[in-house]
């Protein structure tokens, strides 16, 4: 039995059905999109970031810790995570990804660098 045939049988399809994989992918994408941010963060393969973004192990660990805080506290914005980290005085745990940002009229706002902001958005599948 081929791997594809076994896959099809496990998910109730038939390897000779040309529409099975397309239908399964649509169904999988719908299930994936209904996951909460906390669930997405929990199942995300953080090790994949190292190669994808050419990161160090420390950077990956800091992103993972940052995202864990975001998920565990059920934050809906990174601004909330940044405020939590600031309030709890734990920015020292994020030396490679932290930044003082300039949001036009607000100077030196604690947060993460634009590079890592983009990566965390990718993890959460948001624009």
C-alpha atoms as a PDB file:
ATOM      1  CA  UNK A   1       0.000   0.000   0.000  1.00  0.00           C
ATOM      2  CA  UNK A   2       1.351   3.442  -0.886  1.00  0.00           C
ATOM      3  CA  UNK A   3       1.596   6.247   1.665  1.00  0.00           C
ATOM      4  CA  UNK A   4      -0.989   8.253  -0.263  1.00  0.00           C
ATOM      5  CA  UNK A   5      -3.380   5.319  -0.410  1.00  0.00           C
ATOM      6  CA  UNK A   6      -3.001   4.811   3.341  1.00  0.00           C
ATOM      7  CA  UNK A   7      -3.560   8.518   3.961  1.00  0.00           C
ATOM      8  CA  UNK A   8      -6.741   8.438   1.864  1.00  0.00           C
ATOM      9  CA  UNK A   9      -8.080   5.415   3.706  1.00  0.00           C
ATOM     10  CA  UNK A  10      -7.371   6.952   7.111  1.00  0.00           C
ATOM     11  CA  UNK A  11      -9.347  10.073   6.160  1.00  0.00           C
ATOM     12  CA  UNK A  12     -12.191   8.220   4.474  1.00  0.00           C
ATOM     13  CA  UNK A  13     -11.178   8.751   0.865  1.00  0.00           C
ATOM     14  CA  UNK A  14      -9.950   6.787  -2.085  1.00  0.00           C
ATOM     15  CA  UNK A  15      -6.586   7.253  -3.796  1.00  0.00           C
ATOM     16  CA  UNK A  16      -8.250   6.977  -7.209  1.00  0.00           C
ATOM     17  CA  UNK A  17     -10.658   9.870  -6.449  1.00  0.00           C
ATOM     18  CA  UNK A  18      -9.162  12.971  -8.124  1.00  0.00           C
ATOM     19  CA  UNK A  19     -11.248  15.330  -5.948  1.00  0.00           C
ATOM     20  CA  UNK A  20     -10.460  13.769  -2.566  1.00  0.00           C
ATOM     21  CA  UNK A  21      -7.265  15.707  -1.815  1.00  0.00           C
ATOM     22  CA  UNK A  22      -8.753  19.065  -2.867  1.00  0.00           C
ATOM     23  CA  UNK A  23     -11.816  18.474  -0.695  1.00  0.00           C
ATOM     24  CA  UNK A  24      -9.688  17.293   2.222  1.00  0.00           C
ATOM     25  CA  UNK A  25      -7.458  20.385   1.954  1.00  0.00           C
ATOM     26  CA  UNK A  26     -10.477  22.700   1.994  1.00  0.00           C
ATOM     27  CA  UNK A  27     -11.806  20.921   5.051  1.00  0.00           C
ATOM     28  CA  UNK A  28      -8.380  21.019   6.754  1.00  0.00           C
ATOM     29  CA  UNK A  29      -7.971  24.759   6.052  1.00  0.00           C
ATOM     30  CA  UNK A  30     -11.411  25.442   7.541  1.00  0.00           C
ATOM     31  CA  UNK A  31     -10.515  23.505  10.695  1.00  0.00           C
ATOM     32  CA  UNK A  32      -7.170  25.296  10.917  1.00  0.00           C
ATOM     33  CA  UNK A  33      -8.760  28.733  10.573  1.00  0.00           C
ATOM     34  CA  UNK A  34     -11.192  28.006  13.433  1.00  0.00           C
ATOM     35  CA  UNK A  35      -8.373  27.411  15.908  1.00  0.00           C
ATOM     36  CA  UNK A  36      -7.942  30.043  18.586  1.00  0.00           C
ATOM     37  CA  UNK A  37      -4.735  32.057  18.684  1.00  0.00           C
ATOM     38  CA  UNK A  38      -3.777  30.106  21.802  1.00  0.00           C
ATOM     39  CA  UNK A  39      -4.251  26.779  19.968  1.00  0.00           C
ATOM     40  CA  UNK A  40      -2.287  28.000  16.929  1.00  0.00           C
ATOM     41  CA  UNK A  41       0.599  29.068  19.158  1.00  0.00           C
ATOM     42  CA  UNK A  42       0.520  25.797  21.087  1.00  0.00           C
ATOM     43  CA  UNK A  43       0.771  23.585  17.979  1.00  0.00           C
ATOM     44  CA  UNK A  44       3.137  25.805  15.985  1.00  0.00           C
ATOM     45  CA  UNK A  45       6.495  24.280  14.986  1.00  0.00           C
ATOM     46  CA  UNK A  46       8.817  26.985  16.301  1.00  0.00           C
ATOM     47  CA  UNK A  47      11.904  25.052  15.191  1.00  0.00           C
ATOM     48  CA  UNK A  48      10.853  25.693  11.583  1.00  0.00           C
ATOM     49  CA  UNK A  49      11.488  29.419  12.116  1.00  0.00           C
ATOM     50  CA  UNK A  50      15.235  28.903  12.477  1.00  0.00           C
ATOM     51  CA  UNK A  51      15.738  27.948   8.828  1.00  0.00           C
ATOM     52  CA  UNK A  52      12.842  29.921   7.398  1.00  0.00           C
ATOM     53  CA  UNK A  53      14.069  33.253   8.809  1.00  0.00           C
ATOM     54  CA  UNK A  54      17.747  32.430   9.386  1.00  0.00           C
ATOM     55  CA  UNK A  55      17.439  32.834  13.167  1.00  0.00           C
ATOM     56  CA  UNK A  56      19.651  31.785  16.040  1.00  0.00           C
ATOM     57  CA  UNK A  57      18.463  29.264  18.626  1.00  0.00           C
ATOM     58  CA  UNK A  58      18.234  32.101  21.184  1.00  0.00           C
ATOM     59  CA  UNK A  59      16.000  34.149  18.887  1.00  0.00           C
ATOM     60  CA  UNK A  60      13.699  31.173  18.300  1.00  0.00           C
ATOM     61  CA  UNK A  61      13.477  30.515  22.050  1.00  0.00           C
ATOM     62  CA  UNK A  62      12.658  34.168  22.730  1.00  0.00           C
ATOM     63  CA  UNK A  63       9.951  34.202  20.056  1.00  0.00           C
ATOM     64  CA  UNK A  64       8.513  31.009  21.527  1.00  0.00           C
ATOM     65  CA  UNK A  65       8.498  32.513  25.035  1.00  0.00           C
ATOM     66  CA  UNK A  66       6.949  35.763  23.748  1.00  0.00           C
ATOM     67  CA  UNK A  67       4.256  33.822  21.892  1.00  0.00           C
ATOM     68  CA  UNK A  68       3.628  31.603  24.931  1.00  0.00           C
ATOM     69  CA  UNK A  69       2.871  34.690  27.011  1.00  0.00           C
ATOM     70  CA  UNK A  70       0.578  35.971  24.257  1.00  0.00           C
ATOM     71  CA  UNK A  71      -1.297  32.668  24.119  1.00  0.00           C
ATOM     72  CA  UNK A  72      -1.422  31.831  27.820  1.00  0.00           C
ATOM     73  CA  UNK A  73      -2.853  35.239  28.696  1.00  0.00           C
ATOM     74  CA  UNK A  74      -5.316  35.096  25.765  1.00  0.00           C
ATOM     75  CA  UNK A  75      -4.167  38.459  24.485  1.00  0.00           C
ATOM     76  CA  UNK A  76      -5.771  39.750  21.320  1.00  0.00           C
ATOM     77  CA  UNK A  77      -2.968  42.131  20.362  1.00  0.00           C
ATOM     78  CA  UNK A  78       0.770  42.273  20.648  1.00  0.00           C
ATOM     79  CA  UNK A  79       0.349  45.622  22.369  1.00  0.00           C
ATOM     80  CA  UNK A  80      -1.230  43.746  25.293  1.00  0.00           C
ATOM     81  CA  UNK A  81       1.683  41.280  25.403  1.00  0.00           C
ATOM     82  CA  UNK A  82       4.181  44.150  25.332  1.00  0.00           C
ATOM     83  CA  UNK A  83       2.379  45.947  28.169  1.00  0.00           C
ATOM     84  CA  UNK A  84       2.329  42.728  30.213  1.00  0.00           C
ATOM     85  CA  UNK A  85       6.058  42.198  29.677  1.00  0.00           C
ATOM     86  CA  UNK A  86       6.740  45.837  30.587  1.00  0.00           C
ATOM     87  CA  UNK A  87       4.495  45.706  33.690  1.00  0.00           C
ATOM     88  CA  UNK A  88       6.183  42.516  34.888  1.00  0.00           C
ATOM     89  CA  UNK A  89       9.628  43.939  34.093  1.00  0.00           C
ATOM     90  CA  UNK A  90      10.719  40.903  32.060  1.00  0.00           C
ATOM     91  CA  UNK A  91      12.074  42.500  28.868  1.00  0.00           C
ATOM     92  CA  UNK A  92      15.510  41.219  29.903  1.00  0.00           C
ATOM     93  CA  UNK A  93      14.253  37.750  28.949  1.00  0.00           C
ATOM     94  CA  UNK A  94      14.018  38.957  25.326  1.00  0.00           C
ATOM     95  CA  UNK A  95      17.395  40.604  24.603  1.00  0.00           C
ATOM     96  CA  UNK A  96      17.559  39.565  20.933  1.00  0.00           C
ATOM     97  CA  UNK A  97      14.045  40.513  19.865  1.00  0.00           C
ATOM     98  CA  UNK A  98      13.124  43.528  22.009  1.00  0.00           C
ATOM     99  CA  UNK A  99      13.126  47.073  20.797  1.00  0.00           C
ATOM    100  CA  UNK A 100      12.117  50.579  21.737  1.00  0.00           C
ATOM    101  CA  UNK A 101       9.814  51.523  18.901  1.00  0.00           C
ATOM    102  CA  UNK A 102       8.826  54.878  17.488  1.00  0.00           C
ATOM    103  CA  UNK A 103       5.099  54.997  16.734  1.00  0.00           C
ATOM    104  CA  UNK A 104       5.133  58.511  15.241  1.00  0.00           C
ATOM    105  CA  UNK A 105       4.015  60.663  18.178  1.00  0.00           C
ATOM    106  CA  UNK A 106       4.918  58.037  20.803  1.00  0.00           C
ATOM    107  CA  UNK A 107       8.664  57.550  21.200  1.00  0.00           C
ATOM    108  CA  UNK A 108      10.472  54.638  22.839  1.00  0.00           C
ATOM    109  CA  UNK A 109       7.504  52.290  23.139  1.00  0.00           C
ATOM    110  CA  UNK A 110       8.697  48.900  24.467  1.00  0.00           C
ATOM    111  CA  UNK A 111       8.076  46.094  22.005  1.00  0.00           C
ATOM    112  CA  UNK A 112       9.817  43.822  19.552  1.00  0.00           C
ATOM    113  CA  UNK A 113      11.723  44.719  16.397  1.00  0.00           C
ATOM    114  CA  UNK A 114       9.814  44.904  13.110  1.00  0.00           C
ATOM    115  CA  UNK A 115      11.547  41.713  11.920  1.00  0.00           C
ATOM    116  CA  UNK A 116      10.254  39.733  14.888  1.00  0.00           C
ATOM    117  CA  UNK A 117       6.876  41.456  14.786  1.00  0.00           C
ATOM    118  CA  UNK A 118       6.457  40.081  11.246  1.00  0.00           C
ATOM    119  CA  UNK A 119       7.516  36.609  12.355  1.00  0.00           C
ATOM    120  CA  UNK A 120       5.036  36.592  15.251  1.00  0.00           C
ATOM    121  CA  UNK A 121       2.290  37.702  12.868  1.00  0.00           C
ATOM    122  CA  UNK A 122       3.222  34.795  10.605  1.00  0.00           C
ATOM    123  CA  UNK A 123       3.002  32.405  13.565  1.00  0.00           C
ATOM    124  CA  UNK A 124      -0.483  33.691  14.361  1.00  0.00           C
ATOM    125  CA  UNK A 125      -1.464  33.809  10.694  1.00  0.00           C
ATOM    126  CA  UNK A 126      -2.451  37.479  10.807  1.00  0.00           C
ATOM    127  CA  UNK A 127      -1.529  40.390   8.542  1.00  0.00           C
END
